[in-house]
Amino acid sequence: MTTSVNQTIEITSLGFSRRPQNPVLEAFPKRMVWEDREYTFVEIGMHFLIKKGQELIRLFDVSDGQNDYRLKCDSSNHWTLVSMRAAA
């Protein structure tokens, strides 16, 4: 069951990767602080890029091994925890 959260979070660590055939490094969240607790992600799932008018929004599906999270980053680098659910 997915729980809607929609709360501001702080990303305290980023990782970087390069896709095959793409020379550009892409950043992804590795650690977040939410409600005074730190979560470290062990799996990075899908990454979506959405254009909303003139704004670009990035969505990340990540997991800490116990729960799955959907994170949103807007074009001003403001991070939001959109939702969470127990990992299968």
C-alpha atoms as a PDB file:
ATOM      1  CA  MET A   1       0.000   0.000   0.000  1.00  0.00           C
ATOM      2  CA  THR A   2       1.393   3.386  -1.006  1.00  0.00           C
ATOM      3  CA  THR A   3       1.153   6.262   1.456  1.00  0.00           C
ATOM      4  CA  SER A   4       1.061   9.828   0.130  1.00  0.00           C
ATOM      5  CA  VAL A   5       3.480  12.065   2.078  1.00  0.00           C
ATOM      6  CA  ASN A   6       4.209  15.296   0.121  1.00  0.00           C
ATOM      7  CA  GLN A   7       6.660  16.748   2.658  1.00  0.00           C
ATOM      8  CA  THR A   8       9.856  18.691   2.156  1.00  0.00           C
ATOM      9  CA  ILE A   9      13.012  16.654   2.744  1.00  0.00           C
ATOM     10  CA  GLU A  10      16.727  17.333   2.793  1.00  0.00           C
ATOM     11  CA  ILE A  11      19.011  15.327   0.518  1.00  0.00           C
ATOM     12  CA  THR A  12      22.328  14.965   2.360  1.00  0.00           C
ATOM     13  CA  SER A  13      24.226  12.861  -0.170  1.00  0.00           C
ATOM     14  CA  LEU A  14      24.181  12.447  -3.939  1.00  0.00           C
ATOM     15  CA  GLY A  15      25.608   9.707  -6.114  1.00  0.00           C
ATOM     16  CA  PHE A  16      26.620   9.983  -9.738  1.00  0.00           C
ATOM     17  CA  SER A  17      26.377   7.583 -12.646  1.00  0.00           C
ATOM     18  CA  ARG A  18      26.892   7.542 -16.362  1.00  0.00           C
ATOM     19  CA  ARG A  19      24.617   5.620 -18.699  1.00  0.00           C
ATOM     20  CA  PRO A  20      26.176   3.635 -21.524  1.00  0.00           C
ATOM     21  CA  GLN A  21      26.619   5.760 -24.638  1.00  0.00           C
ATOM     22  CA  ASN A  22      26.102   8.988 -22.618  1.00  0.00           C
ATOM     23  CA  PRO A  23      29.150  11.008 -21.504  1.00  0.00           C
ATOM     24  CA  VAL A  24      27.131  13.163 -19.063  1.00  0.00           C
ATOM     25  CA  LEU A  25      27.192  12.309 -15.354  1.00  0.00           C
ATOM     26  CA  GLU A  26      23.729  12.127 -13.800  1.00  0.00           C
ATOM     27  CA  ALA A  27      23.094  12.818 -10.114  1.00  0.00           C
ATOM     28  CA  PHE A  28      20.752  10.753  -7.965  1.00  0.00           C
ATOM     29  CA  PRO A  29      19.847  10.891  -4.251  1.00  0.00           C
ATOM     30  CA  LYS A  30      21.776   8.575  -1.893  1.00  0.00           C
ATOM     31  CA  ARG A  31      20.620   9.819   1.516  1.00  0.00           C
ATOM     32  CA  MET A  32      17.755  11.918   2.872  1.00  0.00           C
ATOM     33  CA  VAL A  33      16.628  13.391   6.182  1.00  0.00           C
ATOM     34  CA  TRP A  34      12.912  13.257   6.868  1.00  0.00           C
ATOM     35  CA  GLU A  35      11.298  14.039  10.212  1.00  0.00           C
ATOM     36  CA  ASP A  36      14.732  14.161  11.939  1.00  0.00           C
ATOM     37  CA  ARG A  37      15.680  10.674  10.733  1.00  0.00           C
ATOM     38  CA  GLU A  38      18.286   9.819   8.116  1.00  0.00           C
ATOM     39  CA  TYR A  39      17.594   7.233   5.402  1.00  0.00           C
ATOM     40  CA  THR A  40      20.293   5.735   3.160  1.00  0.00           C
ATOM     41  CA  PHE A  41      19.202   4.353  -0.197  1.00  0.00           C
ATOM     42  CA  VAL A  42      20.548   0.993  -1.294  1.00  0.00           C
ATOM     43  CA  GLU A  43      18.607   0.769  -4.566  1.00  0.00           C
ATOM     44  CA  ILE A  44      17.904   3.372  -7.211  1.00  0.00           C
ATOM     45  CA  GLY A  45      14.966   2.489  -9.448  1.00  0.00           C
ATOM     46  CA  MET A  46      13.305   4.496 -12.169  1.00  0.00           C
ATOM     47  CA  HIS A  47      14.172   8.121 -12.825  1.00  0.00           C
ATOM     48  CA  PHE A  48      11.648  10.309 -14.636  1.00  0.00           C
ATOM     49  CA  LEU A  49      12.099  13.748 -16.168  1.00  0.00           C
ATOM     50  CA  ILE A  50       8.872  15.716 -16.593  1.00  0.00           C
ATOM     51  CA  LYS A  51       8.418  19.083 -18.252  1.00  0.00           C
ATOM     52  CA  LYS A  52       5.630  21.140 -16.685  1.00  0.00           C
ATOM     53  CA  GLY A  53       5.376  24.414 -18.573  1.00  0.00           C
ATOM     54  CA  GLN A  54       8.853  25.937 -18.361  1.00  0.00           C
ATOM     55  CA  GLU A  55       9.777  23.877 -15.287  1.00  0.00           C
ATOM     56  CA  LEU A  56      11.630  20.552 -15.284  1.00  0.00           C
ATOM     57  CA  ILE A  57      10.731  18.118 -12.513  1.00  0.00           C
ATOM     58  CA  ARG A  58      12.756  15.000 -11.706  1.00  0.00           C
ATOM     59  CA  LEU A  59      11.160  12.012  -9.987  1.00  0.00           C
ATOM     60  CA  PHE A  60      13.215   9.213  -8.437  1.00  0.00           C
ATOM     61  CA  ASP A  61      12.077   5.824  -7.169  1.00  0.00           C
ATOM     62  CA  VAL A  62      14.520   4.691  -4.464  1.00  0.00           C
ATOM     63  CA  SER A  63      14.631   2.108  -1.666  1.00  0.00           C
ATOM     64  CA  ASP A  64      16.387   1.790   1.680  1.00  0.00           C
ATOM     65  CA  GLY A  65      15.799  -1.970   1.640  1.00  0.00           C
ATOM     66  CA  GLN A  66      12.763  -1.723   3.928  1.00  0.00           C
ATOM     67  CA  ASN A  67      10.628   0.882   2.178  1.00  0.00           C
ATOM     68  CA  ASP A  68      10.314   2.310  -1.320  1.00  0.00           C
ATOM     69  CA  TYR A  69      10.171   6.078  -1.772  1.00  0.00           C
ATOM     70  CA  ARG A  70       9.258   8.437  -4.586  1.00  0.00           C
ATOM     71  CA  LEU A  71      11.231  11.692  -4.436  1.00  0.00           C
ATOM     72  CA  LYS A  72      10.657  14.856  -6.452  1.00  0.00           C
ATOM     73  CA  CYS A  73      13.200  17.541  -7.243  1.00  0.00           C
ATOM     74  CA  ASP A  74      12.024  20.746  -8.905  1.00  0.00           C
ATOM     75  CA  SER A  75      14.130  23.103 -11.011  1.00  0.00           C
ATOM     76  CA  SER A  76      15.098  25.172  -7.939  1.00  0.00           C
ATOM     77  CA  ASN A  77      16.548  22.025  -6.280  1.00  0.00           C
ATOM     78  CA  HIS A  78      13.701  21.788  -3.751  1.00  0.00           C
ATOM     79  CA  TRP A  79      13.227  18.127  -2.707  1.00  0.00           C
ATOM     80  CA  THR A  80       9.897  16.556  -1.724  1.00  0.00           C
ATOM     81  CA  LEU A  81       9.080  13.071  -0.442  1.00  0.00           C
ATOM     82  CA  VAL A  82       6.027  12.337  -2.584  1.00  0.00           C
ATOM     83  CA  SER A  83       5.130   8.877  -1.271  1.00  0.00           C
ATOM     84  CA  MET A  84       6.389   5.737   0.420  1.00  0.00           C
ATOM     85  CA  ARG A  85       5.395   2.074   0.624  1.00  0.00           C
ATOM     86  CA  ALA A  86       6.688  -1.091   2.261  1.00  0.00           C
ATOM     87  CA  ALA A  87       9.168  -2.874   0.005  1.00  0.00           C
ATOM     88  CA  ALA A  88       7.918  -6.158  -1.413  1.00  0.00           C
END
